[in-house]
C-alpha atoms as a PDB file:
ATOM      1  CA  MET A   1      97.865  62.947 103.204  1.00  0.00           C
ATOM      2  CA  ALA A   2      94.463  61.253 103.693  1.00  0.00           C
ATOM      3  CA  GLY A   3      93.385  57.661 103.001  1.00  0.00           C
ATOM      4  CA  PRO A   4      95.560  54.493 103.189  1.00  0.00           C
ATOM      5  CA  ASP A   5      99.256  54.547 103.865  1.00  0.00           C
ATOM      6  CA  LEU A   6     100.421  53.918 100.002  1.00  0.00           C
ATOM      7  CA  GLU A   7      98.139  56.292  98.607  1.00  0.00           C
ATOM      8  CA  ASN A   8      99.373  59.263  96.526  1.00  0.00           C
ATOM      9  CA  MET A   9     102.797  57.791  96.779  1.00  0.00           C
ATOM     10  CA  ALA A  10     103.154  57.911  92.845  1.00  0.00           C
ATOM     11  CA  VAL A  11     106.128  56.020  91.455  1.00  0.00           C
ATOM     12  CA  THR A  12     108.089  56.707  88.271  1.00  0.00           C
ATOM     13  CA  ARG A  13     111.178  54.660  86.671  1.00  0.00           C
ATOM     14  CA  LEU A  14     113.842  55.628  84.312  1.00  0.00           C
ATOM     15  CA  VAL A  15     116.832  53.727  83.167  1.00  0.00           C
ATOM     16  CA  THR A  16     120.407  54.582  82.110  1.00  0.00           C
ATOM     17  CA  GLU A  17     122.915  51.760  82.903  1.00  0.00           C
ATOM     18  CA  LYS A  18     126.401  52.858  84.360  1.00  0.00           C
ATOM     19  CA  THR A  19     129.034  50.735  82.755  1.00  0.00           C
ATOM     20  CA  SER A  20     132.052  52.208  84.546  1.00  0.00           C
ATOM     21  CA  GLY A  21     132.805  50.819  87.967  1.00  0.00           C
ATOM     22  CA  SER A  22     132.348  54.103  89.951  1.00  0.00           C
ATOM     23  CA  CYS A  23     131.180  54.535  93.590  1.00  0.00           C
ATOM     24  CA  GLY A  24     132.908  51.030  93.961  1.00  0.00           C
ATOM     25  CA  GLN A  25     129.781  49.256  92.604  1.00  0.00           C
ATOM     26  CA  PRO A  26     129.594  46.563  89.743  1.00  0.00           C
ATOM     27  CA  SER A  27     129.442  47.895  86.309  1.00  0.00           C
ATOM     28  CA  LYS A  28     125.785  48.759  84.854  1.00  0.00           C
ATOM     29  CA  GLN A  29     124.385  50.061  88.251  1.00  0.00           C
ATOM     30  CA  ALA A  30     121.290  51.704  87.729  1.00  0.00           C
ATOM     31  CA  LEU A  31     121.366  55.228  89.373  1.00  0.00           C
ATOM     32  CA  VAL A  32     118.225  56.219  90.820  1.00  0.00           C
ATOM     33  CA  HIS A  33     116.941  59.518  91.128  1.00  0.00           C
ATOM     34  CA  ALA A  34     114.238  60.359  93.876  1.00  0.00           C
ATOM     35  CA  ARG A  35     112.176  62.976  94.991  1.00  0.00           C
ATOM     36  CA  ALA A  36     109.953  63.583  98.205  1.00  0.00           C
ATOM     37  CA  ASP A  37     108.169  66.248  99.803  1.00  0.00           C
ATOM     38  CA  ALA A  38     107.129  66.730 103.888  1.00  0.00           C
ATOM     39  CA  ASN A  39     105.097  68.718 105.820  1.00  0.00           C
ATOM     40  CA  GLY A  40     106.093  71.550 107.938  1.00  0.00           C
ATOM     41  CA  LYS A  41     104.255  71.750 111.331  1.00  0.00           C
ATOM     42  CA  LEU A  42     102.103  74.703 113.247  1.00  0.00           C
ATOM     43  CA  ILE A  43     100.602  74.212 116.647  1.00  0.00           C
ATOM     44  CA  LEU A  44      97.341  75.705 116.751  1.00  0.00           C
ATOM     45  CA  LEU A  45      96.271  74.983 120.177  1.00  0.00           C
ATOM     46  CA  GLY A  46      98.064  73.544 123.276  1.00  0.00           C
ATOM     47  CA  GLU A  47     101.752  74.150 123.153  1.00  0.00           C
ATOM     48  CA  HIS A  48     103.501  73.802 126.618  1.00  0.00           C
ATOM     49  CA  SER A  49     100.278  72.191 128.044  1.00  0.00           C
ATOM     50  CA  VAL A  50     100.886  69.136 125.925  1.00  0.00           C
ATOM     51  CA  VAL A  51     104.230  68.617 128.051  1.00  0.00           C
ATOM     52  CA  TYR A  52     101.941  67.956 131.238  1.00  0.00           C
ATOM     53  CA  GLY A  53      99.508  65.553 129.110  1.00  0.00           C
ATOM     54  CA  MET A  54      96.822  68.176 127.979  1.00  0.00           C
ATOM     55  CA  THR A  55      95.216  68.107 124.571  1.00  0.00           C
ATOM     56  CA  ALA A  56      97.153  69.721 121.733  1.00  0.00           C
ATOM     57  CA  LEU A  57      95.838  70.901 117.907  1.00  0.00           C
ATOM     58  CA  ALA A  58      98.730  70.685 115.379  1.00  0.00           C
ATOM     59  CA  VAL A  59      98.146  71.263 111.461  1.00  0.00           C
ATOM     60  CA  GLY A  60     100.429  70.160 108.707  1.00  0.00           C
ATOM     61  CA  LEU A  61     101.922  73.090 106.733  1.00  0.00           C
ATOM     62  CA  PRO A  62     101.717  71.642 103.075  1.00  0.00           C
ATOM     63  CA  ASP A  63     104.761  72.125 100.151  1.00  0.00           C
ATOM     64  CA  ALA A  64     107.012  72.943 102.993  1.00  0.00           C
ATOM     65  CA  LEU A  65     110.030  70.984 101.936  1.00  0.00           C
ATOM     66  CA  ARG A  66     111.292  68.846  99.240  1.00  0.00           C
ATOM     67  CA  VAL A  67     114.282  66.914  99.014  1.00  0.00           C
ATOM     68  CA  LYS A  68     115.709  65.654  95.435  1.00  0.00           C
ATOM     69  CA  ALA A  69     118.232  62.432  95.794  1.00  0.00           C
ATOM     70  CA  VAL A  70     120.520  62.696  92.548  1.00  0.00           C
ATOM     71  CA  PRO A  71     123.100  60.288  92.129  1.00  0.00           C
ATOM     72  CA  SER A  72     126.866  61.520  92.380  1.00  0.00           C
ATOM     73  CA  ASP A  73     130.460  60.196  91.734  1.00  0.00           C
ATOM     74  CA  SER A  74     131.380  60.213  95.522  1.00  0.00           C
ATOM     75  CA  ILE A  75     130.767  57.561  97.812  1.00  0.00           C
ATOM     76  CA  ARG A  76     129.168  60.090 100.469  1.00  0.00           C
ATOM     77  CA  LEU A  77     125.785  61.355 101.261  1.00  0.00           C
ATOM     78  CA  GLU A  78     125.880  65.167 100.521  1.00  0.00           C
ATOM     79  CA  LEU A  79     123.377  67.611 102.064  1.00  0.00           C
ATOM     80  CA  SER A  80     122.400  70.751 100.541  1.00  0.00           C
ATOM     81  CA  VAL A  81     119.865  72.936 102.426  1.00  0.00           C
ATOM     82  CA  PRO A  82     120.535  76.806 100.798  1.00  0.00           C
ATOM     83  CA  GLY A  83     117.836  78.462 102.471  1.00  0.00           C
ATOM     84  CA  TRP A  84     119.377  77.289 106.168  1.00  0.00           C
ATOM     85  CA  ASP A  85     122.816  77.987 104.585  1.00  0.00           C
ATOM     86  CA  LEU A  86     123.565  74.226 105.723  1.00  0.00           C
ATOM     87  CA  TYR A  87     125.950  71.818 103.752  1.00  0.00           C
ATOM     88  CA  SER A  88     126.673  68.551 105.617  1.00  0.00           C
ATOM     89  CA  SER A  89     127.790  64.868 104.903  1.00  0.00           C
ATOM     90  CA  ASP A  90     127.636  62.001 106.356  1.00  0.00           C
ATOM     91  CA  GLU A  91     131.107  61.954 107.158  1.00  0.00           C
ATOM     92  CA  ASP A  92     131.134  65.059 109.272  1.00  0.00           C
ATOM     93  CA  ASN A  93     130.966  64.632 113.007  1.00  0.00           C
ATOM     94  CA  ASP A  94     127.871  66.867 113.996  1.00  0.00           C
ATOM     95  CA  ILE A  95     124.279  66.390 114.357  1.00  0.00           C
ATOM     96  CA  VAL A  96     123.613  66.646 110.941  1.00  0.00           C
ATOM     97  CA  GLY A  97     126.232  64.194 109.762  1.00  0.00           C
ATOM     98  CA  GLU A  98     124.638  61.896 112.607  1.00  0.00           C
ATOM     99  CA  LEU A  99     121.260  62.135 110.900  1.00  0.00           C
ATOM    100  CA  LEU A 100     122.670  61.356 107.684  1.00  0.00           C
ATOM    101  CA  ARG A 101     124.317  58.140 109.053  1.00  0.00           C
ATOM    102  CA  PHE A 102     121.192  57.288 110.552  1.00  0.00           C
ATOM    103  CA  VAL A 103     119.304  57.553 107.232  1.00  0.00           C
ATOM    104  CA  ARG A 104     121.964  55.633 105.509  1.00  0.00           C
ATOM    105  CA  ASP A 105     122.107  52.650 107.741  1.00  0.00           C
ATOM    106  CA  LYS A 106     117.931  52.378 107.542  1.00  0.00           C
ATOM    107  CA  PHE A 107     118.389  52.712 103.740  1.00  0.00           C
ATOM    108  CA  PRO A 108     121.950  51.532 102.607  1.00  0.00           C
ATOM    109  CA  VAL A 109     122.373  53.180  99.494  1.00  0.00           C
ATOM    110  CA  GLN A 110     125.310  51.522  97.558  1.00  0.00           C
ATOM    111  CA  CYS A 111     126.284  54.591  95.968  1.00  0.00           C
ATOM    112  CA  GLY A 112     126.628  58.382  96.809  1.00  0.00           C
ATOM    113  CA  TYR A 113     123.932  60.920  96.746  1.00  0.00           C
ATOM    114  CA  ARG A 114     123.372  64.491  96.631  1.00  0.00           C
ATOM    115  CA  LEU A 115     120.593  65.531  98.619  1.00  0.00           C
ATOM    116  CA  LEU A 116     119.288  68.793  97.666  1.00  0.00           C
ATOM    117  CA  VAL A 117     116.513  70.387  99.955  1.00  0.00           C
ATOM    118  CA  GLU A 118     114.382  73.013  98.984  1.00  0.00           C
ATOM    119  CA  THR A 119     112.250  74.760 101.633  1.00  0.00           C
ATOM    120  CA  TRP A 120     110.706  77.867 102.943  1.00  0.00           C
ATOM    121  CA  LEU A 121     110.353  76.750 106.296  1.00  0.00           C
ATOM    122  CA  PRO A 122     112.838  79.080 108.595  1.00  0.00           C
ATOM    123  CA  CYS A 123     115.164  76.876 110.522  1.00  0.00           C
ATOM    124  CA  ARG A 124     114.748  76.853 114.648  1.00  0.00           C
ATOM    125  CA  ALA A 125     111.566  78.840 114.490  1.00  0.00           C
ATOM    126  CA  GLY A 126     109.164  76.414 115.885  1.00  0.00           C
ATOM    127  CA  LEU A 127     107.810  75.211 112.806  1.00  0.00           C
ATOM    128  CA  GLY A 128     108.897  71.779 112.342  1.00  0.00           C
ATOM    129  CA  SER A 129     111.936  72.006 110.210  1.00  0.00           C
ATOM    130  CA  SER A 130     114.075  69.456 111.736  1.00  0.00           C
ATOM    131  CA  ALA A 131     111.194  66.801 111.451  1.00  0.00           C
ATOM    132  CA  ALA A 132     110.459  67.796 107.924  1.00  0.00           C
ATOM    133  CA  LEU A 133     114.039  67.201 107.063  1.00  0.00           C
ATOM    134  CA  CYS A 134     113.965  63.806 108.941  1.00  0.00           C
ATOM    135  CA  VAL A 135     110.568  62.800 107.185  1.00  0.00           C
ATOM    136  CA  GLY A 136     112.167  64.106 103.494  1.00  0.00           C
ATOM    137  CA  LEU A 137     115.301  62.149 103.910  1.00  0.00           C
ATOM    138  CA  LEU A 138     113.739  58.868 104.991  1.00  0.00           C
ATOM    139  CA  LYS A 139     111.198  59.057 102.316  1.00  0.00           C
ATOM    140  CA  ALA A 140     113.997  59.944  99.448  1.00  0.00           C
ATOM    141  CA  LEU A 141     116.150  57.348 100.525  1.00  0.00           C
ATOM    142  CA  SER A 142     113.934  54.663 100.685  1.00  0.00           C
ATOM    143  CA  SER A 143     112.493  55.925  97.223  1.00  0.00           C
ATOM    144  CA  VAL A 144     115.712  55.338  95.616  1.00  0.00           C
ATOM    145  CA  LEU A 145     115.532  51.545  97.113  1.00  0.00           C
ATOM    146  CA  GLY A 146     112.247  51.089  95.740  1.00  0.00           C
ATOM    147  CA  LYS A 147     110.568  51.007  99.338  1.00  0.00           C
ATOM    148  CA  GLU A 148     107.458  52.257  99.956  1.00  0.00           C
ATOM    149  CA  LEU A 149     106.812  52.963 103.601  1.00  0.00           C
ATOM    150  CA  PRO A 150     103.574  52.649 105.554  1.00  0.00           C
ATOM    151  CA  LYS A 151     103.128  56.271 107.236  1.00  0.00           C
ATOM    152  CA  VAL A 152     103.051  54.331 110.627  1.00  0.00           C
ATOM    153  CA  GLU A 153     106.484  52.722 110.122  1.00  0.00           C
ATOM    154  CA  LEU A 154     107.753  56.309 108.427  1.00  0.00           C
ATOM    155  CA  ASN A 155     106.375  58.248 111.461  1.00  0.00           C
ATOM    156  CA  ASP A 156     108.465  55.778 113.997  1.00  0.00           C
ATOM    157  CA  LEU A 157     111.658  56.579 111.849  1.00  0.00           C
ATOM    158  CA  ALA A 158     111.183  59.847 111.936  1.00  0.00           C
ATOM    159  CA  LYS A 159     110.558  59.963 115.502  1.00  0.00           C
ATOM    160  CA  GLU A 160     113.920  58.213 115.889  1.00  0.00           C
ATOM    161  CA  ALA A 161     115.644  60.611 113.992  1.00  0.00           C
ATOM    162  CA  GLU A 162     114.521  63.376 115.866  1.00  0.00           C
ATOM    163  CA  ARG A 163     116.095  62.214 118.869  1.00  0.00           C
ATOM    164  CA  ILE A 164     119.190  63.297 117.191  1.00  0.00           C
ATOM    165  CA  PHE A 165     118.193  67.053 117.442  1.00  0.00           C
ATOM    166  CA  HIS A 166     115.948  66.780 120.544  1.00  0.00           C
ATOM    167  CA  GLY A 167     116.721  64.198 122.739  1.00  0.00           C
ATOM    168  CA  ILE A 168     113.456  63.073 123.658  1.00  0.00           C
ATOM    169  CA  PRO A 169     110.855  64.538 121.285  1.00  0.00           C
ATOM    170  CA  SER A 170     106.853  64.664 121.874  1.00  0.00           C
ATOM    171  CA  GLY A 171     106.157  63.249 118.584  1.00  0.00           C
ATOM    172  CA  ILE A 172     103.810  66.111 117.438  1.00  0.00           C
ATOM    173  CA  ASP A 173     106.313  67.469 115.076  1.00  0.00           C
ATOM    174  CA  ASN A 174     106.923  64.177 113.252  1.00  0.00           C
ATOM    175  CA  THR A 175     103.580  62.659 113.593  1.00  0.00           C
ATOM    176  CA  THR A 176     102.095  66.114 112.055  1.00  0.00           C
ATOM    177  CA  SER A 177     105.177  65.961 109.001  1.00  0.00           C
ATOM    178  CA  VAL A 178     103.935  62.782 107.987  1.00  0.00           C
ATOM    179  CA  PHE A 179     100.243  62.443 108.334  1.00  0.00           C
ATOM    180  CA  GLY A 180      99.481  66.446 107.282  1.00  0.00           C
ATOM    181  CA  GLY A 181      95.998  67.902 107.821  1.00  0.00           C
ATOM    182  CA  ALA A 182      94.911  68.688 111.298  1.00  0.00           C
ATOM    183  CA  CYS A 183      96.616  66.160 113.983  1.00  0.00           C
ATOM    184  CA  LEU A 184      94.954  65.967 117.500  1.00  0.00           C
ATOM    185  CA  PHE A 185      97.098  64.591 120.776  1.00  0.00           C
ATOM    186  CA  LEU A 186      94.335  64.156 122.964  1.00  0.00           C
ATOM    187  CA  GLY A 187      94.978  65.085 126.283  1.00  0.00           C
ATOM    188  CA  LYS A 188      95.001  62.393 129.650  1.00  0.00           C
ATOM    189  CA  GLY A 189      91.869  61.562 131.082  1.00  0.00           C
ATOM    190  CA  HIS A 190      89.740  61.915 127.476  1.00  0.00           C
ATOM    191  CA  VAL A 191      88.052  58.643 126.047  1.00  0.00           C
ATOM    192  CA  SER A 192      88.043  59.582 122.662  1.00  0.00           C
ATOM    193  CA  PRO A 193      88.121  62.645 120.355  1.00  0.00           C
ATOM    194  CA  PRO A 194      85.487  65.169 119.154  1.00  0.00           C
ATOM    195  CA  ALA A 195      83.694  64.178 115.889  1.00  0.00           C
ATOM    196  CA  GLY A 196      85.309  63.983 112.630  1.00  0.00           C
ATOM    197  CA  PHE A 197      88.591  62.776 113.924  1.00  0.00           C
ATOM    198  CA  ASP A 198      90.042  59.491 112.852  1.00  0.00           C
ATOM    199  CA  SER A 199      92.561  57.346 114.751  1.00  0.00           C
ATOM    200  CA  LEU A 200      96.401  57.265 113.082  1.00  0.00           C
ATOM    201  CA  GLY A 201      96.896  53.529 113.728  1.00  0.00           C
ATOM    202  CA  ALA A 202      98.372  51.303 115.620  1.00  0.00           C
ATOM    203  CA  GLY A 203     101.076  52.459 117.942  1.00  0.00           C
ATOM    204  CA  LEU A 204      99.929  56.012 117.815  1.00  0.00           C
ATOM    205  CA  SER A 205      97.235  55.800 120.675  1.00  0.00           C
ATOM    206  CA  GLY A 206      95.575  59.157 121.660  1.00  0.00           C
ATOM    207  CA  ALA A 207      96.858  60.537 118.015  1.00  0.00           C
ATOM    208  CA  TYR A 208      94.004  61.463 115.535  1.00  0.00           C
ATOM    209  CA  THR A 209      93.864  63.180 112.150  1.00  0.00           C
ATOM    210  CA  ALA A 210      91.019  64.860 110.262  1.00  0.00           C
ATOM    211  CA  PRO A 211      91.015  67.205 106.775  1.00  0.00           C
ATOM    212  CA  VAL A 212      90.770  70.637 107.334  1.00  0.00           C
ATOM    213  CA  ASP A 213      90.851  73.623 105.154  1.00  0.00           C
ATOM    214  CA  LEU A 214      92.181  76.466 106.787  1.00  0.00           C
ATOM    215  CA  ARG A 215      93.839  79.774 105.559  1.00  0.00           C
ATOM    216  CA  LEU A 216      96.797  81.027 107.740  1.00  0.00           C
ATOM    217  CA  VAL A 217      99.023  83.811 107.731  1.00  0.00           C
ATOM    218  CA  ILE A 218     102.397  83.073 109.562  1.00  0.00           C
ATOM    219  CA  GLY A 219     104.616  85.711 110.472  1.00  0.00           C
ATOM    220  CA  ASN A 220     108.062  85.359 111.789  1.00  0.00           C
ATOM    221  CA  THR A 221     109.237  87.656 114.421  1.00  0.00           C
ATOM    222  CA  GLY A 222     113.195  86.893 113.440  1.00  0.00           C
ATOM    223  CA  ILE A 223     113.516  87.096 117.245  1.00  0.00           C
ATOM    224  CA  PRO A 224     115.839  84.418 118.344  1.00  0.00           C
ATOM    225  CA  ARG A 225     114.471  81.962 120.920  1.00  0.00           C
ATOM    226  CA  ASN A 226     116.020  79.454 123.532  1.00  0.00           C
ATOM    227  CA  THR A 227     113.599  76.651 123.937  1.00  0.00           C
ATOM    228  CA  LYS A 228     115.060  74.949 126.400  1.00  0.00           C
ATOM    229  CA  LYS A 229     114.784  77.870 128.726  1.00  0.00           C
ATOM    230  CA  VAL A 230     111.270  78.704 128.134  1.00  0.00           C
ATOM    231  CA  VAL A 231     110.118  75.280 128.954  1.00  0.00           C
ATOM    232  CA  GLU A 232     112.711  75.141 132.367  1.00  0.00           C
ATOM    233  CA  ASP A 233     111.134  78.742 133.145  1.00  0.00           C
ATOM    234  CA  VAL A 234     107.448  77.224 132.745  1.00  0.00           C
ATOM    235  CA  ARG A 235     108.523  74.151 135.040  1.00  0.00           C
ATOM    236  CA  ARG A 236     109.647  76.660 137.443  1.00  0.00           C
ATOM    237  CA  MET A 237     106.342  78.342 137.462  1.00  0.00           C
ATOM    238  CA  GLN A 238     104.415  75.370 137.918  1.00  0.00           C
ATOM    239  CA  SER A 239     106.817  74.303 140.806  1.00  0.00           C
ATOM    240  CA  MET A 240     106.202  77.955 142.413  1.00  0.00           C
ATOM    241  CA  LYS A 241     102.339  77.840 141.770  1.00  0.00           C
ATOM    242  CA  PRO A 242     101.240  74.486 141.635  1.00  0.00           C
ATOM    243  CA  ALA A 243      97.262  75.241 141.985  1.00  0.00           C
ATOM    244  CA  TRP A 244      97.186  78.380 139.490  1.00  0.00           C
ATOM    245  CA  PHE A 245      99.352  76.580 136.917  1.00  0.00           C
ATOM    246  CA  LYS A 246      96.841  73.622 136.912  1.00  0.00           C
ATOM    247  CA  SER A 247      93.821  75.834 136.343  1.00  0.00           C
ATOM    248  CA  ILE A 248      95.716  77.584 133.569  1.00  0.00           C
ATOM    249  CA  LEU A 249      96.457  73.692 131.959  1.00  0.00           C
ATOM    250  CA  GLU A 250      92.733  72.484 132.562  1.00  0.00           C
ATOM    251  CA  GLU A 251      91.756  75.784 130.355  1.00  0.00           C
ATOM    252  CA  MET A 252      94.277  75.297 127.705  1.00  0.00           C
ATOM    253  CA  ASP A 253      92.886  71.717 127.597  1.00  0.00           C
ATOM    254  CA  HIS A 254      89.334  72.646 127.111  1.00  0.00           C
ATOM    255  CA  ILE A 255      90.219  75.434 124.958  1.00  0.00           C
ATOM    256  CA  ALA A 256      92.171  72.680 122.699  1.00  0.00           C
ATOM    257  CA  LEU A 257      89.351  70.736 122.482  1.00  0.00           C
ATOM    258  CA  GLU A 258      86.780  73.574 121.699  1.00  0.00           C
ATOM    259  CA  GLY A 259      89.080  74.606 118.689  1.00  0.00           C
ATOM    260  CA  ALA A 260      89.581  70.888 117.911  1.00  0.00           C
ATOM    261  CA  ARG A 261      85.818  70.737 117.441  1.00  0.00           C
ATOM    262  CA  ALA A 262      85.314  73.696 115.469  1.00  0.00           C
ATOM    263  CA  SER A 263      88.218  73.115 112.994  1.00  0.00           C
ATOM    264  CA  VAL A 264      86.122  69.991 111.744  1.00  0.00           C
ATOM    265  CA  ALA A 265      82.986  71.527 111.932  1.00  0.00           C
ATOM    266  CA  ALA A 266      83.562  74.513 109.239  1.00  0.00           C
ATOM    267  CA  ASP A 267      83.316  77.056 112.292  1.00  0.00           C
ATOM    268  CA  PRO A 268      86.693  79.115 111.213  1.00  0.00           C
ATOM    269  CA  ALA A 269      85.062  81.663 114.084  1.00  0.00           C
ATOM    270  CA  GLY A 270      85.319  79.257 116.614  1.00  0.00           C
ATOM    271  CA  LEU A 271      88.718  78.333 116.065  1.00  0.00           C
ATOM    272  CA  GLY A 272      89.838  81.701 115.927  1.00  0.00           C
ATOM    273  CA  LYS A 273      87.984  82.506 119.158  1.00  0.00           C
ATOM    274  CA  ALA A 274      90.112  79.244 120.701  1.00  0.00           C
ATOM    275  CA  MET A 275      93.528  80.521 119.592  1.00  0.00           C
ATOM    276  CA  LYS A 276      92.935  84.099 120.727  1.00  0.00           C
ATOM    277  CA  LYS A 277      92.008  82.468 124.269  1.00  0.00           C
ATOM    278  CA  ASN A 278      95.198  80.673 123.958  1.00  0.00           C
ATOM    279  CA  HIS A 279      97.243  83.530 123.281  1.00  0.00           C
ATOM    280  CA  GLY A 280      96.151  84.967 126.478  1.00  0.00           C
ATOM    281  CA  LEU A 281      97.075  82.083 128.701  1.00  0.00           C
ATOM    282  CA  LEU A 282     100.129  81.871 127.045  1.00  0.00           C
ATOM    283  CA  ARG A 283     101.014  85.218 127.950  1.00  0.00           C
ATOM    284  CA  GLU A 284      99.755  84.679 131.666  1.00  0.00           C
ATOM    285  CA  ILE A 285     102.555  81.982 131.871  1.00  0.00           C
ATOM    286  CA  GLY A 286     105.173  84.288 130.499  1.00  0.00           C
ATOM    287  CA  VAL A 287     106.262  82.816 127.098  1.00  0.00           C
ATOM    288  CA  SER A 288     104.751  85.525 124.715  1.00  0.00           C
ATOM    289  CA  HIS A 289     107.069  88.513 124.026  1.00  0.00           C
ATOM    290  CA  PRO A 290     105.959  92.501 123.163  1.00  0.00           C
ATOM    291  CA  MET A 291     106.638  91.673 119.325  1.00  0.00           C
ATOM    292  CA  MET A 292     104.752  88.862 119.387  1.00  0.00           C
ATOM    293  CA  ASP A 293     101.366  90.415 121.322  1.00  0.00           C
ATOM    294  CA  LEU A 294     101.755  93.472 119.022  1.00  0.00           C
ATOM    295  CA  MET A 295     101.796  91.233 115.997  1.00  0.00           C
ATOM    296  CA  VAL A 296      98.361  89.603 117.428  1.00  0.00           C
ATOM    297  CA  ASP A 297      96.801  92.867 118.150  1.00  0.00           C
ATOM    298  CA  ARG A 298      97.309  94.163 114.570  1.00  0.00           C
ATOM    299  CA  ALA A 299      96.211  91.023 113.131  1.00  0.00           C
ATOM    300  CA  MET A 300      92.787  91.186 114.946  1.00  0.00           C
ATOM    301  CA  ARG A 301      92.510  94.644 114.026  1.00  0.00           C
ATOM    302  CA  ALA A 302      93.026  93.887 110.427  1.00  0.00           C
ATOM    303  CA  GLY A 303      89.896  91.550 110.781  1.00  0.00           C
ATOM    304  CA  ALA A 304      91.739  88.136 111.623  1.00  0.00           C
ATOM    305  CA  LEU A 305      89.224  85.399 113.130  1.00  0.00           C
ATOM    306  CA  GLY A 306      92.114  84.728 115.386  1.00  0.00           C
ATOM    307  CA  ALA A 307      95.853  85.244 116.356  1.00  0.00           C
ATOM    308  CA  LYS A 308      98.427  83.611 118.614  1.00  0.00           C
ATOM    309  CA  LEU A 309     102.203  82.961 119.249  1.00  0.00           C
ATOM    310  CA  THR A 310     103.159  79.392 117.759  1.00  0.00           C
ATOM    311  CA  GLY A 311     105.517  77.123 119.608  1.00  0.00           C
ATOM    312  CA  ALA A 312     107.741  77.655 122.501  1.00  0.00           C
ATOM    313  CA  GLY A 313     107.283  81.493 122.560  1.00  0.00           C
ATOM    314  CA  ARG A 314     109.368  84.223 123.220  1.00  0.00           C
ATOM    315  CA  GLY A 315     110.310  84.742 119.568  1.00  0.00           C
ATOM    316  CA  GLY A 316     109.534  82.464 116.660  1.00  0.00           C
ATOM    317  CA  CYS A 317     106.334  82.821 114.724  1.00  0.00           C
ATOM    318  CA  VAL A 318     102.681  84.213 115.314  1.00  0.00           C
ATOM    319  CA  VAL A 319      99.670  82.627 113.397  1.00  0.00           C
ATOM    320  CA  ALA A 320      96.955  84.628 112.360  1.00  0.00           C
ATOM    321  CA  LEU A 321      93.334  82.664 111.070  1.00  0.00           C
ATOM    322  CA  VAL A 322      91.788  84.410 108.463  1.00  0.00           C
ATOM    323  CA  PRO A 323      88.531  84.206 106.495  1.00  0.00           C
ATOM    324  CA  GLY A 324      89.306  81.886 103.280  1.00  0.00           C
ATOM    325  CA  GLY A 325      87.426  84.341 100.663  1.00  0.00           C
ATOM    326  CA  ASP A 326      88.434  87.367 102.278  1.00  0.00           C
ATOM    327  CA  THR A 327      91.533  88.708 100.622  1.00  0.00           C
ATOM    328  CA  VAL A 328      91.270  92.076 102.177  1.00  0.00           C
ATOM    329  CA  VAL A 329      91.639  90.938 105.589  1.00  0.00           C
ATOM    330  CA  GLN A 330      94.735  88.867 104.496  1.00  0.00           C
ATOM    331  CA  ALA A 331      95.950  91.543 102.521  1.00  0.00           C
ATOM    332  CA  ARG A 332      96.001  93.841 105.868  1.00  0.00           C
ATOM    333  CA  VAL A 333      97.574  91.399 108.111  1.00  0.00           C
ATOM    334  CA  LEU A 334     100.374  91.143 105.719  1.00  0.00           C
ATOM    335  CA  LYS A 335     100.756  94.830 105.332  1.00  0.00           C
ATOM    336  CA  TYR A 336     100.756  95.367 108.979  1.00  0.00           C
ATOM    337  CA  TRP A 337     102.981  92.402 109.842  1.00  0.00           C
ATOM    338  CA  ASN A 338     105.305  93.382 106.876  1.00  0.00           C
ATOM    339  CA  ASP A 339     105.132  96.996 108.281  1.00  0.00           C
ATOM    340  CA  LEU A 340     106.391  95.348 111.856  1.00  0.00           C
ATOM    341  CA  GLY A 341     109.533  94.023 110.071  1.00  0.00           C
ATOM    342  CA  ALA A 342     108.222  90.401 109.969  1.00  0.00           C
ATOM    343  CA  GLY A 343     108.881  87.829 107.299  1.00  0.00           C
ATOM    344  CA  CYS A 344     105.433  86.729 106.218  1.00  0.00           C
ATOM    345  CA  ARG A 345     103.612  83.623 104.557  1.00  0.00           C
ATOM    346  CA  THR A 346     100.180  82.620 103.836  1.00  0.00           C
ATOM    347  CA  ILE A 347      99.303  79.123 103.790  1.00  0.00           C
ATOM    348  CA  ASP A 348      96.035  77.124 102.845  1.00  0.00           C
ATOM    349  CA  THR A 349      95.728  73.602 104.593  1.00  0.00           C
ATOM    350  CA  GLY A 350      93.605  71.886 101.870  1.00  0.00           C
ATOM    351  CA  PRO A 351      94.722  68.248 100.972  1.00  0.00           C
ATOM    352  CA  VAL A 352      97.405  68.419  98.666  1.00  0.00           C
ATOM    353  CA  ASN A 353      99.353  65.071  97.201  1.00  0.00           C
ATOM    354  CA  MET A 354     102.273  64.194  99.636  1.00  0.00           C
ATOM    355  CA  GLY A 355     103.948  61.689  97.573  1.00  0.00           C
ATOM    356  CA  MET A 356     107.207  60.356  96.429  1.00  0.00           C
ATOM    357  CA  GLU A 357     108.757  59.993  92.582  1.00  0.00           C
ATOM    358  CA  ARG A 358     111.403  57.709  91.554  1.00  0.00           C
ATOM    359  CA  GLY A 359     113.070  57.946  88.285  1.00  0.00           C
ATOM    360  CA  ARG A 360     116.749  56.038  86.870  1.00  0.00           C
ATOM    361  CA  SER A 361     119.007  57.750  85.024  1.00  0.00           C
END
């Protein structure tokens, strides 16, 4: 979502007056429908090292999640995410119920709503599914009330909502979901970002964005992962081998900056090289998996410019960068990964309309 905060937020309105007192509201209530979209997130460079103050580069995954808010005769917010086999309401005593209560507290709609979610994002696979859900719900209910949130304000609310899922979120997932494009999180000790990146605004010190046009193939290993354990194991390694670990972190930081420069300089080969290096270092700190290593190897043999695990590792997803106009390489990567049993999807990261729509009926 490039440009000013409210750019691309199209609003339409349709009206039908409701003469019954349904939902405990006065007669002639206008019931507003809304639709909102949110990006997913993929870390291209810098997972794990970003936890220790190093640079990371993430990219928004467009068309990842859509929320449709439809008025109901209930007084509840009722969430339905068929792709995740997830059904909940704001009366449920679980984390999703807590999220729905948080969103309603921020945007107190007076009638009940069915919140219908369509998404291709796998759940708990390192692609920012919870952040996309938070952003989509916040945008949908704010739209119901006729409020168009500036991106910085939406990002603050989404990070607060992410605490329900993650306790102390890094902010990478929600920021990438809100702003899209390439999001650079500059490490400590760096004064300014590479040329081509612009500040995300007040309150987001060290975070920068740039439009990028990449073709990515994402493969889901289907291997369950335990992010908390992986992070704890990495920290244990840091305490056991501090000097070696510090050198790994510094190399990861350097690679992330190299890749960031390449991403905005129309140098996909340079970005791919950085991705491959980063995967090698992630293997060294013990967060890869034989299936992920095999997928990386097959992608490189197929002609990908670069490939690596993305997210916490030891399961979840692998990403390959392929030449934008080369459908042969793309088809080879897809075939090799499908043969391994991985679920695959091709993504183009070019700019899209990530707006909101409203209507009354």
